Amino acid sequence: MIESEIEISEDLVRDLLREQHPDLAELPIREVAGGWGNQMWRLGDELAVRMQRMDTSPDLQLKERRWLPTLASRLPLPIPVPLRDGAPSERFPKIWTVMTWVEGTPLDHGSITRGDHAAETLSGFLRALHVEAPADAPTASDFGAHPKDCTDGFEHFFQDVAPADLADEIREVWGEAVAAPGWEGPPVWVHGDLHPANVVVADGTLAGVVDFGALVAGDPAWDLAAAWLLLPAGGASRFFNSYAQADEAAVRRARGLAAMRSLFLMAMGQAGDRGLPGGKPNWGPAGRSALDRVLKGL
């Protein structure tokens, strides 16, 4: 077991609830598959317990506790809302949070069949999210940054998994993103990590957005990359027409970031195929199909 990993069982979750939130302790508890930095447990029909697992710092959950209640009230899709705080204890020396459960199937285990509806839904969600963030909003040097500040990450994934026959095309897309003018507006709220495991679908379309650990004030292009990462072929064009707030430079940055994020998904899939910790075998095909959409443009 890795040093920062703690074995989390149903009995542990129930004991923690009995100690700190006894009114919730007798609700049914069941583990949610997946998760790496945090492990999720369903609590009854409407709640979930988010347990800090591999994350070595509580900062991501603390950020969600601080900002998600405020954001949720004006977003058109459900997001997890923290309701109860779990404090570190002798039984479990990390933080945990009771949150609302967002109903749906994670896109990495589902599909979008109503592409136009999903494109309109995603654009509406991001228009509502992408407003000027307050002065005390979190910032970061990775998520939310200009692509030119992310070249090390791109090169890492490129060298690992870029198909040789597509290498020149991928570099061209990335080069255009790096050369694009930066975001000139005020820093806006950015989810930062919109990939297929962080959205849920129902009835063939987007039904919710989860995992705001990367939430940051920065360049909206990080979220606009989701037009290629999440939507079926042809969806990016419909998305940008509906979003209607992205200039040419933003689209170039977003497309380059989508290429990098596609390679990330492929790398996670490769790790899963090799049985490595944290690997996700089903992310590989999702990343490759997203990369194909990126290279086809809008």
C-alpha atoms as a PDB file:
ATOM      1  CA  MET A   1       0.000   0.000   0.000  1.00  0.00           C
ATOM      2  CA  ILE A   2       1.299   3.443  -0.919  1.00  0.00           C
ATOM      3  CA  GLU A   3       2.126   5.532   2.126  1.00  0.00           C
ATOM      4  CA  SER A   4      -0.518   8.186   1.468  1.00  0.00           C
ATOM      5  CA  GLU A   5      -3.223   5.602   0.768  1.00  0.00           C
ATOM      6  CA  ILE A   6      -5.641   4.623   3.505  1.00  0.00           C
ATOM      7  CA  GLU A   7      -7.835   1.561   3.213  1.00  0.00           C
ATOM      8  CA  ILE A   8     -11.415   2.809   3.327  1.00  0.00           C
ATOM      9  CA  SER A   9     -14.230   0.392   4.045  1.00  0.00           C
ATOM     10  CA  GLU A  10     -17.971   0.660   4.508  1.00  0.00           C
ATOM     11  CA  ASP A  11     -17.473   0.047   8.234  1.00  0.00           C
ATOM     12  CA  LEU A  12     -15.013   2.933   8.457  1.00  0.00           C
ATOM     13  CA  VAL A  13     -17.367   5.311   6.660  1.00  0.00           C
ATOM     14  CA  ARG A  14     -20.255   4.332   8.924  1.00  0.00           C
ATOM     15  CA  ASP A  15     -18.135   4.673  12.069  1.00  0.00           C
ATOM     16  CA  LEU A  16     -17.025   8.162  11.027  1.00  0.00           C
ATOM     17  CA  LEU A  17     -20.623   9.174  10.413  1.00  0.00           C
ATOM     18  CA  ARG A  18     -21.648   7.815  13.822  1.00  0.00           C
ATOM     19  CA  GLU A  19     -18.907   9.876  15.442  1.00  0.00           C
ATOM     20  CA  GLN A  20     -19.486  13.160  13.610  1.00  0.00           C
ATOM     21  CA  HIS A  21     -22.901  13.049  11.876  1.00  0.00           C
ATOM     22  CA  PRO A  22     -24.961  10.406  13.701  1.00  0.00           C
ATOM     23  CA  ASP A  23     -28.221  11.471  12.051  1.00  0.00           C
ATOM     24  CA  LEU A  24     -26.822  10.177   8.729  1.00  0.00           C
ATOM     25  CA  ALA A  25     -25.113   7.046  10.035  1.00  0.00           C
ATOM     26  CA  GLU A  26     -27.900   4.549   9.365  1.00  0.00           C
ATOM     27  CA  LEU A  27     -28.446   5.442   5.716  1.00  0.00           C
ATOM     28  CA  PRO A  28     -27.406   2.764   3.198  1.00  0.00           C
ATOM     29  CA  ILE A  29     -23.745   3.031   2.190  1.00  0.00           C
ATOM     30  CA  ARG A  30     -22.223   1.622  -0.990  1.00  0.00           C
ATOM     31  CA  GLU A  31     -18.912   2.221  -2.690  1.00  0.00           C
ATOM     32  CA  VAL A  32     -18.704   4.067  -6.002  1.00  0.00           C
ATOM     33  CA  ALA A  33     -16.244   2.516  -8.441  1.00  0.00           C
ATOM     34  CA  GLY A  34     -13.339   4.665  -9.589  1.00  0.00           C
ATOM     35  CA  GLY A  35     -11.695   7.600  -7.919  1.00  0.00           C
ATOM     36  CA  TRP A  36      -8.036   8.049  -7.137  1.00  0.00           C
ATOM     37  CA  GLY A  37      -7.333  11.228  -5.205  1.00  0.00           C
ATOM     38  CA  ASN A  38     -10.685  10.805  -3.459  1.00  0.00           C
ATOM     39  CA  GLN A  39     -12.955   7.822  -2.941  1.00  0.00           C
ATOM     40  CA  MET A  40     -16.732   8.229  -3.162  1.00  0.00           C
ATOM     41  CA  TRP A  41     -19.399   6.365  -1.214  1.00  0.00           C
ATOM     42  CA  ARG A  42     -23.105   6.676  -1.894  1.00  0.00           C
ATOM     43  CA  LEU A  43     -25.043   7.627   1.226  1.00  0.00           C
ATOM     44  CA  GLY A  44     -28.722   6.899   0.804  1.00  0.00           C
ATOM     45  CA  ASP A  45     -30.259   8.090  -2.448  1.00  0.00           C
ATOM     46  CA  GLU A  46     -29.319  11.761  -2.399  1.00  0.00           C
ATOM     47  CA  LEU A  47     -25.922  12.054  -0.697  1.00  0.00           C
ATOM     48  CA  ALA A  48     -22.327  10.919  -1.084  1.00  0.00           C
ATOM     49  CA  VAL A  49     -19.279  10.845   1.164  1.00  0.00           C
ATOM     50  CA  ARG A  50     -16.095  12.103  -0.486  1.00  0.00           C
ATOM     51  CA  MET A  51     -13.107  10.607   1.307  1.00  0.00           C
ATOM     52  CA  GLN A  52      -9.640  12.054   0.842  1.00  0.00           C
ATOM     53  CA  ARG A  53      -7.541   9.111  -0.286  1.00  0.00           C
ATOM     54  CA  MET A  54      -4.395   9.554  -2.366  1.00  0.00           C
ATOM     55  CA  ASP A  55      -4.477  13.356  -2.239  1.00  0.00           C
ATOM     56  CA  THR A  56      -1.767  14.378   0.194  1.00  0.00           C
ATOM     57  CA  SER A  57      -3.302  17.792   0.866  1.00  0.00           C
ATOM     58  CA  PRO A  58      -6.802  18.717   1.993  1.00  0.00           C
ATOM     59  CA  ASP A  59      -6.744  21.801  -0.216  1.00  0.00           C
ATOM     60  CA  LEU A  60      -8.895  20.409  -3.037  1.00  0.00           C
ATOM     61  CA  GLN A  61     -11.768  19.388  -0.782  1.00  0.00           C
ATOM     62  CA  LEU A  62     -11.469  22.611   1.195  1.00  0.00           C
ATOM     63  CA  LYS A  63     -11.740  24.522  -2.066  1.00  0.00           C
ATOM     64  CA  GLU A  64     -14.904  22.634  -3.000  1.00  0.00           C
ATOM     65  CA  ARG A  65     -16.383  23.317   0.441  1.00  0.00           C
ATOM     66  CA  ARG A  66     -15.636  27.011   0.089  1.00  0.00           C
ATOM     67  CA  TRP A  67     -16.891  27.697  -3.420  1.00  0.00           C
ATOM     68  CA  LEU A  68     -19.320  25.062  -4.696  1.00  0.00           C
ATOM     69  CA  PRO A  69     -22.329  26.182  -2.628  1.00  0.00           C
ATOM     70  CA  THR A  70     -21.997  29.639  -4.171  1.00  0.00           C
ATOM     71  CA  LEU A  71     -21.526  28.386  -7.729  1.00  0.00           C
ATOM     72  CA  ALA A  72     -24.283  25.774  -7.622  1.00  0.00           C
ATOM     73  CA  SER A  73     -27.034  28.331  -7.170  1.00  0.00           C
ATOM     74  CA  ARG A  74     -26.473  29.853 -10.618  1.00  0.00           C
ATOM     75  CA  LEU A  75     -25.402  26.869 -12.727  1.00  0.00           C
ATOM     76  CA  PRO A  76     -27.936  25.179 -15.029  1.00  0.00           C
ATOM     77  CA  LEU A  77     -26.652  21.631 -14.406  1.00  0.00           C
ATOM     78  CA  PRO A  78     -26.415  19.825 -11.064  1.00  0.00           C
ATOM     79  CA  ILE A  79     -23.023  19.840  -9.360  1.00  0.00           C
ATOM     80  CA  PRO A  80     -22.016  18.313  -6.007  1.00  0.00           C
ATOM     81  CA  VAL A  81     -22.802  20.645  -3.108  1.00  0.00           C
ATOM     82  CA  PRO A  82     -20.921  20.117   0.182  1.00  0.00           C
ATOM     83  CA  LEU A  83     -23.375  19.845   3.087  1.00  0.00           C
ATOM     84  CA  ARG A  84     -21.420  18.452   6.058  1.00  0.00           C
ATOM     85  CA  ASP A  85     -17.729  18.615   6.970  1.00  0.00           C
ATOM     86  CA  GLY A  86     -15.827  15.595   8.203  1.00  0.00           C
ATOM     87  CA  ALA A  87     -12.828  16.393  10.391  1.00  0.00           C
ATOM     88  CA  PRO A  88      -9.632  14.338  10.705  1.00  0.00           C
ATOM     89  CA  SER A  89      -9.703  11.925  13.609  1.00  0.00           C
ATOM     90  CA  GLU A  90      -7.760   9.068  15.137  1.00  0.00           C
ATOM     91  CA  ARG A  91      -9.677   6.611  12.948  1.00  0.00           C
ATOM     92  CA  PHE A  92      -9.144   8.602   9.754  1.00  0.00           C
ATOM     93  CA  PRO A  93      -6.491  11.362   9.800  1.00  0.00           C
ATOM     94  CA  LYS A  94      -7.732  13.115   6.655  1.00  0.00           C
ATOM     95  CA  ILE A  95     -10.757  15.261   5.870  1.00  0.00           C
ATOM     96  CA  TRP A  96     -13.964  14.014   4.280  1.00  0.00           C
ATOM     97  CA  THR A  97     -17.111  15.724   3.090  1.00  0.00           C
ATOM     98  CA  VAL A  98     -20.773  14.795   2.784  1.00  0.00           C
ATOM     99  CA  MET A  99     -22.062  16.148  -0.538  1.00  0.00           C
ATOM    100  CA  THR A 100     -25.144  15.972  -2.690  1.00  0.00           C
ATOM    101  CA  TRP A 101     -25.115  13.111  -5.199  1.00  0.00           C
ATOM    102  CA  VAL A 102     -25.293  14.026  -8.896  1.00  0.00           C
ATOM    103  CA  GLU A 103     -27.427  11.420 -10.621  1.00  0.00           C
ATOM    104  CA  GLY A 104     -26.273   9.984 -13.932  1.00  0.00           C
ATOM    105  CA  THR A 105     -23.668   7.727 -15.535  1.00  0.00           C
ATOM    106  CA  PRO A 106     -20.089   8.997 -15.868  1.00  0.00           C
ATOM    107  CA  LEU A 107     -19.421   9.637 -19.544  1.00  0.00           C
ATOM    108  CA  ASP A 108     -16.385   7.337 -19.514  1.00  0.00           C
ATOM    109  CA  HIS A 109     -18.912   4.545 -18.853  1.00  0.00           C
ATOM    110  CA  GLY A 110     -21.745   5.987 -20.942  1.00  0.00           C
ATOM    111  CA  SER A 111     -22.339   7.825 -24.196  1.00  0.00           C
ATOM    112  CA  ILE A 112     -23.871  10.942 -25.693  1.00  0.00           C
ATOM    113  CA  THR A 113     -26.430  10.153 -28.372  1.00  0.00           C
ATOM    114  CA  ARG A 114     -28.143  13.548 -28.493  1.00  0.00           C
ATOM    115  CA  GLY A 115     -25.135  15.484 -29.695  1.00  0.00           C
ATOM    116  CA  ASP A 116     -26.845  18.783 -30.520  1.00  0.00           C
ATOM    117  CA  HIS A 117     -28.623  18.844 -27.171  1.00  0.00           C
ATOM    118  CA  ALA A 118     -25.392  18.058 -25.338  1.00  0.00           C
ATOM    119  CA  ALA A 119     -23.530  20.824 -27.195  1.00  0.00           C
ATOM    120  CA  GLU A 120     -26.199  23.361 -26.260  1.00  0.00           C
ATOM    121  CA  THR A 121     -26.247  22.105 -22.662  1.00  0.00           C
ATOM    122  CA  LEU A 122     -22.470  22.311 -22.315  1.00  0.00           C
ATOM    123  CA  SER A 123     -22.341  25.813 -23.785  1.00  0.00           C
ATOM    124  CA  GLY A 124     -25.089  26.999 -21.449  1.00  0.00           C
ATOM    125  CA  PHE A 125     -23.302  25.549 -18.448  1.00  0.00           C
ATOM    126  CA  LEU A 126     -19.989  27.163 -19.365  1.00  0.00           C
ATOM    127  CA  ARG A 127     -21.539  30.544 -20.151  1.00  0.00           C
ATOM    128  CA  ALA A 128     -23.002  30.512 -16.642  1.00  0.00           C
ATOM    129  CA  LEU A 129     -19.740  29.355 -15.056  1.00  0.00           C
ATOM    130  CA  HIS A 130     -17.391  31.676 -16.963  1.00  0.00           C
ATOM    131  CA  VAL A 131     -18.000  34.888 -15.065  1.00  0.00           C
ATOM    132  CA  GLU A 132     -15.384  37.034 -13.395  1.00  0.00           C
ATOM    133  CA  ALA A 133     -14.076  35.298 -10.306  1.00  0.00           C
ATOM    134  CA  PRO A 134     -13.664  37.202  -7.019  1.00  0.00           C
ATOM    135  CA  ALA A 135     -10.270  38.462  -5.944  1.00  0.00           C
ATOM    136  CA  ASP A 136      -9.839  35.655  -3.405  1.00  0.00           C
ATOM    137  CA  ALA A 137     -10.632  32.880  -5.885  1.00  0.00           C
ATOM    138  CA  PRO A 138      -8.002  30.128  -6.174  1.00  0.00           C
ATOM    139  CA  THR A 139      -5.302  30.441  -8.815  1.00  0.00           C
ATOM    140  CA  ALA A 140      -2.846  27.908 -10.212  1.00  0.00           C
ATOM    141  CA  SER A 141       0.149  27.711 -12.508  1.00  0.00           C
ATOM    142  CA  ASP A 142      -1.141  24.657 -14.403  1.00  0.00           C
ATOM    143  CA  PHE A 143      -4.928  24.479 -14.764  1.00  0.00           C
ATOM    144  CA  GLY A 144      -6.180  27.754 -16.204  1.00  0.00           C
ATOM    145  CA  ALA A 145      -2.803  28.825 -17.602  1.00  0.00           C
ATOM    146  CA  HIS A 146      -1.812  29.692 -21.183  1.00  0.00           C
ATOM    147  CA  PRO A 147      -0.711  26.653 -23.214  1.00  0.00           C
ATOM    148  CA  LYS A 148       2.787  28.129 -23.515  1.00  0.00           C
ATOM    149  CA  ASP A 149       3.139  27.569 -19.771  1.00  0.00           C
ATOM    150  CA  CYS A 150       2.144  23.902 -20.134  1.00  0.00           C
ATOM    151  CA  THR A 151       4.741  22.703 -22.626  1.00  0.00           C
ATOM    152  CA  ASP A 152       6.392  20.302 -20.165  1.00  0.00           C
ATOM    153  CA  GLY A 153       3.109  18.528 -19.584  1.00  0.00           C
ATOM    154  CA  PHE A 154       2.375  18.370 -23.293  1.00  0.00           C
ATOM    155  CA  GLU A 155       5.814  16.944 -24.083  1.00  0.00           C
ATOM    156  CA  HIS A 156       5.466  14.316 -21.367  1.00  0.00           C
ATOM    157  CA  PHE A 157       2.207  12.967 -22.764  1.00  0.00           C
ATOM    158  CA  PHE A 158       3.292  13.452 -26.382  1.00  0.00           C
ATOM    159  CA  GLN A 159       6.424  11.374 -25.907  1.00  0.00           C
ATOM    160  CA  ASP A 160       4.481   8.687 -24.065  1.00  0.00           C
ATOM    161  CA  VAL A 161       1.516   8.052 -26.318  1.00  0.00           C
ATOM    162  CA  ALA A 162       1.324  10.230 -29.447  1.00  0.00           C
ATOM    163  CA  PRO A 163       0.751   7.998 -32.504  1.00  0.00           C
ATOM    164  CA  ALA A 164       3.723   8.340 -34.826  1.00  0.00           C
ATOM    165  CA  ASP A 165       1.536   8.866 -37.887  1.00  0.00           C
ATOM    166  CA  LEU A 166      -0.242  11.793 -36.199  1.00  0.00           C
ATOM    167  CA  ALA A 167       2.758  13.409 -34.520  1.00  0.00           C
ATOM    168  CA  ASP A 168       3.152  16.263 -37.016  1.00  0.00           C
ATOM    169  CA  GLU A 169      -0.554  17.132 -36.914  1.00  0.00           C
ATOM    170  CA  ILE A 170      -0.599  17.105 -33.121  1.00  0.00           C
ATOM    171  CA  ARG A 171       2.445  19.355 -32.936  1.00  0.00           C
ATOM    172  CA  GLU A 172       0.871  21.763 -35.413  1.00  0.00           C
ATOM    173  CA  VAL A 173      -2.279  22.075 -33.301  1.00  0.00           C
ATOM    174  CA  TRP A 174      -0.223  22.527 -30.145  1.00  0.00           C
ATOM    175  CA  GLY A 175       2.055  25.071 -31.822  1.00  0.00           C
ATOM    176  CA  GLU A 176      -0.938  27.156 -32.883  1.00  0.00           C
ATOM    177  CA  ALA A 177      -2.194  27.130 -29.290  1.00  0.00           C
ATOM    178  CA  VAL A 178       1.168  28.168 -27.863  1.00  0.00           C
ATOM    179  CA  ALA A 179       1.428  31.006 -30.387  1.00  0.00           C
ATOM    180  CA  ALA A 180      -2.127  32.242 -29.812  1.00  0.00           C
ATOM    181  CA  PRO A 181      -2.692  35.508 -27.931  1.00  0.00           C
ATOM    182  CA  GLY A 182      -3.577  34.973 -24.289  1.00  0.00           C
ATOM    183  CA  TRP A 183      -6.826  35.609 -22.454  1.00  0.00           C
ATOM    184  CA  GLU A 184      -7.185  39.372 -22.068  1.00  0.00           C
ATOM    185  CA  GLY A 185     -10.250  39.488 -19.877  1.00  0.00           C
ATOM    186  CA  PRO A 186     -10.402  39.176 -16.106  1.00  0.00           C
ATOM    187  CA  PRO A 187      -9.817  35.686 -14.680  1.00  0.00           C
ATOM    188  CA  VAL A 188     -13.088  33.762 -14.817  1.00  0.00           C
ATOM    189  CA  TRP A 189     -14.255  30.655 -12.981  1.00  0.00           C
ATOM    190  CA  VAL A 190     -12.879  27.578 -14.746  1.00  0.00           C
ATOM    191  CA  HIS A 191     -13.677  23.956 -13.882  1.00  0.00           C
ATOM    192  CA  GLY A 192     -10.304  23.073 -15.361  1.00  0.00           C
ATOM    193  CA  ASP A 193     -10.695  19.304 -15.617  1.00  0.00           C
ATOM    194  CA  LEU A 194     -13.649  18.583 -17.902  1.00  0.00           C
ATOM    195  CA  HIS A 195     -12.990  15.100 -19.201  1.00  0.00           C
ATOM    196  CA  PRO A 196     -15.331  12.105 -19.587  1.00  0.00           C
ATOM    197  CA  ALA A 197     -15.008  10.910 -15.974  1.00  0.00           C
ATOM    198  CA  ASN A 198     -15.977  14.317 -14.592  1.00  0.00           C
ATOM    199  CA  VAL A 199     -19.366  14.696 -16.257  1.00  0.00           C
ATOM    200  CA  VAL A 200     -22.424  12.460 -16.038  1.00  0.00           C
ATOM    201  CA  VAL A 201     -24.967  11.677 -18.723  1.00  0.00           C
ATOM    202  CA  ALA A 202     -28.608  10.603 -18.769  1.00  0.00           C
ATOM    203  CA  ASP A 203     -31.062  10.181 -21.629  1.00  0.00           C
ATOM    204  CA  GLY A 204     -28.227  10.550 -24.123  1.00  0.00           C
ATOM    205  CA  THR A 205     -27.085  14.002 -23.043  1.00  0.00           C
ATOM    206  CA  LEU A 206     -25.156  15.835 -20.328  1.00  0.00           C
ATOM    207  CA  ALA A 207     -26.857  15.671 -16.944  1.00  0.00           C
ATOM    208  CA  GLY A 208     -24.307  16.995 -14.433  1.00  0.00           C
ATOM    209  CA  VAL A 209     -20.725  18.035 -13.756  1.00  0.00           C
ATOM    210  CA  VAL A 210     -18.606  16.660 -10.905  1.00  0.00           C
ATOM    211  CA  ASP A 211     -15.129  16.827  -9.352  1.00  0.00           C
ATOM    212  CA  PHE A 212     -14.248  20.495  -9.001  1.00  0.00           C
ATOM    213  CA  GLY A 213     -10.859  19.854  -7.411  1.00  0.00           C
ATOM    214  CA  ALA A 214      -9.149  21.796 -10.210  1.00  0.00           C
ATOM    215  CA  LEU A 215     -11.501  24.791  -9.887  1.00  0.00           C
ATOM    216  CA  VAL A 216      -9.522  27.939 -10.584  1.00  0.00           C
ATOM    217  CA  ALA A 217      -9.756  31.525 -11.774  1.00  0.00           C
ATOM    218  CA  GLY A 218      -8.105  31.641 -15.173  1.00  0.00           C
ATOM    219  CA  ASP A 219      -8.425  31.200 -18.940  1.00  0.00           C
ATOM    220  CA  PRO A 220     -11.811  29.771 -20.049  1.00  0.00           C
ATOM    221  CA  ALA A 221     -10.053  27.950 -22.911  1.00  0.00           C
ATOM    222  CA  TRP A 222      -9.351  25.130 -20.435  1.00  0.00           C
ATOM    223  CA  ASP A 223     -13.074  24.402 -20.309  1.00  0.00           C
ATOM    224  CA  LEU A 224     -13.713  25.130 -23.978  1.00  0.00           C
ATOM    225  CA  ALA A 225     -11.447  22.163 -24.745  1.00  0.00           C
ATOM    226  CA  ALA A 226     -14.358  20.020 -23.547  1.00  0.00           C
ATOM    227  CA  ALA A 227     -16.052  20.658 -26.909  1.00  0.00           C
ATOM    228  CA  TRP A 228     -13.709  18.008 -28.346  1.00  0.00           C
ATOM    229  CA  LEU A 229     -13.166  15.908 -25.222  1.00  0.00           C
ATOM    230  CA  LEU A 230     -16.852  15.317 -24.423  1.00  0.00           C
ATOM    231  CA  LEU A 231     -18.989  15.869 -27.499  1.00  0.00           C
ATOM    232  CA  PRO A 232     -19.418  13.513 -30.477  1.00  0.00           C
ATOM    233  CA  ALA A 233     -18.021  14.359 -33.898  1.00  0.00           C
ATOM    234  CA  GLY A 234     -19.429  17.661 -35.142  1.00  0.00           C
ATOM    235  CA  GLY A 235     -20.339  18.795 -31.654  1.00  0.00           C
ATOM    236  CA  ALA A 236     -17.512  21.308 -31.320  1.00  0.00           C
ATOM    237  CA  SER A 237     -18.872  23.513 -34.100  1.00  0.00           C
ATOM    238  CA  ARG A 238     -22.370  23.479 -32.596  1.00  0.00           C
ATOM    239  CA  PHE A 239     -20.889  24.210 -29.169  1.00  0.00           C
ATOM    240  CA  PHE A 240     -18.848  27.253 -30.225  1.00  0.00           C
ATOM    241  CA  ASN A 241     -21.760  28.701 -32.209  1.00  0.00           C
ATOM    242  CA  SER A 242     -23.905  28.458 -29.091  1.00  0.00           C
ATOM    243  CA  TYR A 243     -21.230  29.593 -26.624  1.00  0.00           C
ATOM    244  CA  ALA A 244     -20.637  32.681 -28.789  1.00  0.00           C
ATOM    245  CA  GLN A 245     -18.002  34.178 -26.480  1.00  0.00           C
ATOM    246  CA  ALA A 246     -14.806  32.638 -27.870  1.00  0.00           C
ATOM    247  CA  ASP A 247     -12.642  34.520 -30.343  1.00  0.00           C
ATOM    248  CA  GLU A 248     -10.227  32.823 -32.748  1.00  0.00           C
ATOM    249  CA  ALA A 249      -7.381  32.913 -30.229  1.00  0.00           C
ATOM    250  CA  ALA A 250      -9.506  31.214 -27.568  1.00  0.00           C
ATOM    251  CA  VAL A 251     -10.491  28.471 -29.994  1.00  0.00           C
ATOM    252  CA  ARG A 252      -6.829  27.902 -30.894  1.00  0.00           C
ATOM    253  CA  ARG A 253      -5.835  27.688 -27.226  1.00  0.00           C
ATOM    254  CA  ALA A 254      -8.770  25.397 -26.479  1.00  0.00           C
ATOM    255  CA  ARG A 255      -7.983  23.075 -29.373  1.00  0.00           C
ATOM    256  CA  GLY A 256      -4.349  22.757 -28.297  1.00  0.00           C
ATOM    257  CA  LEU A 257      -5.382  22.060 -24.715  1.00  0.00           C
ATOM    258  CA  ALA A 258      -7.850  19.475 -26.002  1.00  0.00           C
ATOM    259  CA  ALA A 259      -4.986  17.756 -27.833  1.00  0.00           C
ATOM    260  CA  MET A 260      -2.920  17.674 -24.643  1.00  0.00           C
ATOM    261  CA  ARG A 261      -5.862  16.408 -22.601  1.00  0.00           C
ATOM    262  CA  SER A 262      -6.590  13.723 -25.204  1.00  0.00           C
ATOM    263  CA  LEU A 263      -3.011  12.504 -24.847  1.00  0.00           C
ATOM    264  CA  PHE A 264      -3.459  12.533 -21.059  1.00  0.00           C
ATOM    265  CA  LEU A 265      -6.505  10.287 -21.378  1.00  0.00           C
ATOM    266  CA  MET A 266      -4.565   7.978 -23.663  1.00  0.00           C
ATOM    267  CA  ALA A 267      -1.691   7.841 -21.175  1.00  0.00           C
ATOM    268  CA  MET A 268      -4.081   6.959 -18.348  1.00  0.00           C
ATOM    269  CA  GLY A 269      -5.566   4.260 -20.557  1.00  0.00           C
ATOM    270  CA  GLN A 270      -2.118   2.873 -21.301  1.00  0.00           C
ATOM    271  CA  ALA A 271      -1.358   2.784 -17.574  1.00  0.00           C
ATOM    272  CA  GLY A 272      -4.591   0.893 -17.016  1.00  0.00           C
ATOM    273  CA  ASP A 273      -3.725  -1.613 -19.724  1.00  0.00           C
ATOM    274  CA  ARG A 274      -0.444  -2.239 -17.916  1.00  0.00           C
ATOM    275  CA  GLY A 275      -2.160  -2.654 -14.559  1.00  0.00           C
ATOM    276  CA  LEU A 276      -0.436   0.375 -13.053  1.00  0.00           C
ATOM    277  CA  PRO A 277      -1.937   2.160 -10.010  1.00  0.00           C
ATOM    278  CA  GLY A 278      -4.434   4.821 -11.025  1.00  0.00           C
ATOM    279  CA  GLY A 279      -4.648   3.589 -14.605  1.00  0.00           C
ATOM    280  CA  LYS A 280      -8.004   3.691 -16.393  1.00  0.00           C
ATOM    281  CA  PRO A 281      -8.221   1.204 -19.286  1.00  0.00           C
ATOM    282  CA  ASN A 282     -11.459   2.699 -20.633  1.00  0.00           C
ATOM    283  CA  TRP A 283      -9.901   6.158 -20.912  1.00  0.00           C
ATOM    284  CA  GLY A 284      -7.588   5.090 -23.737  1.00  0.00           C
ATOM    285  CA  PRO A 285     -10.272   4.712 -26.412  1.00  0.00           C
ATOM    286  CA  ALA A 286     -11.993   7.892 -25.184  1.00  0.00           C
ATOM    287  CA  GLY A 287      -8.738   9.799 -25.520  1.00  0.00           C
ATOM    288  CA  ARG A 288      -8.005   8.467 -28.989  1.00  0.00           C
ATOM    289  CA  SER A 289     -11.462   9.314 -30.312  1.00  0.00           C
ATOM    290  CA  ALA A 290     -11.169  12.789 -28.777  1.00  0.00           C
ATOM    291  CA  LEU A 291      -7.777  13.246 -30.448  1.00  0.00           C
ATOM    292  CA  ASP A 292      -9.293  12.323 -33.802  1.00  0.00           C
ATOM    293  CA  ARG A 293     -11.976  14.974 -33.297  1.00  0.00           C
ATOM    294  CA  VAL A 294      -9.345  17.566 -32.330  1.00  0.00           C
ATOM    295  CA  LEU A 295      -7.332  16.933 -35.467  1.00  0.00           C
ATOM    296  CA  LYS A 296     -10.426  17.327 -37.644  1.00  0.00           C
ATOM    297  CA  GLY A 297     -10.947  20.834 -36.220  1.00  0.00           C
ATOM    298  CA  LEU A 298     -14.453  22.203 -35.882  1.00  0.00           C
END
